[in-house]
């Protein structure tokens, strides 16, 4: 029974990868159309720059997540482990700031320092690199 479940899970993973690869094949068909080929060529030209941006962004993003674990992990559930810390940092980037929980448990100065440096670096510096 366990082998059958593991096999079904493997098949589900393969199907999900295929669902992501099928739309990528559409870009090959876009080269036949004049206007859509501009989109394909633009993606090809900017792929290296986007890769370097994502490398810097995720390095900084993970650094602040680890800093959140070190600073707040023992007292705040959202920073208890790496997965939760990454999820909390993503919530902060998307605008759902967890200020009140962090401020009450860790103190206003440490919480403000972490939050403001995180927002400043990710919003103002890194995202403006993309422009």
Foldseek 3Di string as FASTA:
>chain_A
DVVVVVVVVVVVVVVVVVVVVVVVVVLVVLCVPPVSVVVSVVCVVCVVVVVVLVVVLVVLLQVLLVVCCVQPCVPAVCNVDSVSSSVQLVCVQVPNHPQVRCCVGRNNPVSCVSSVVSCCCNPPPSVVSVD
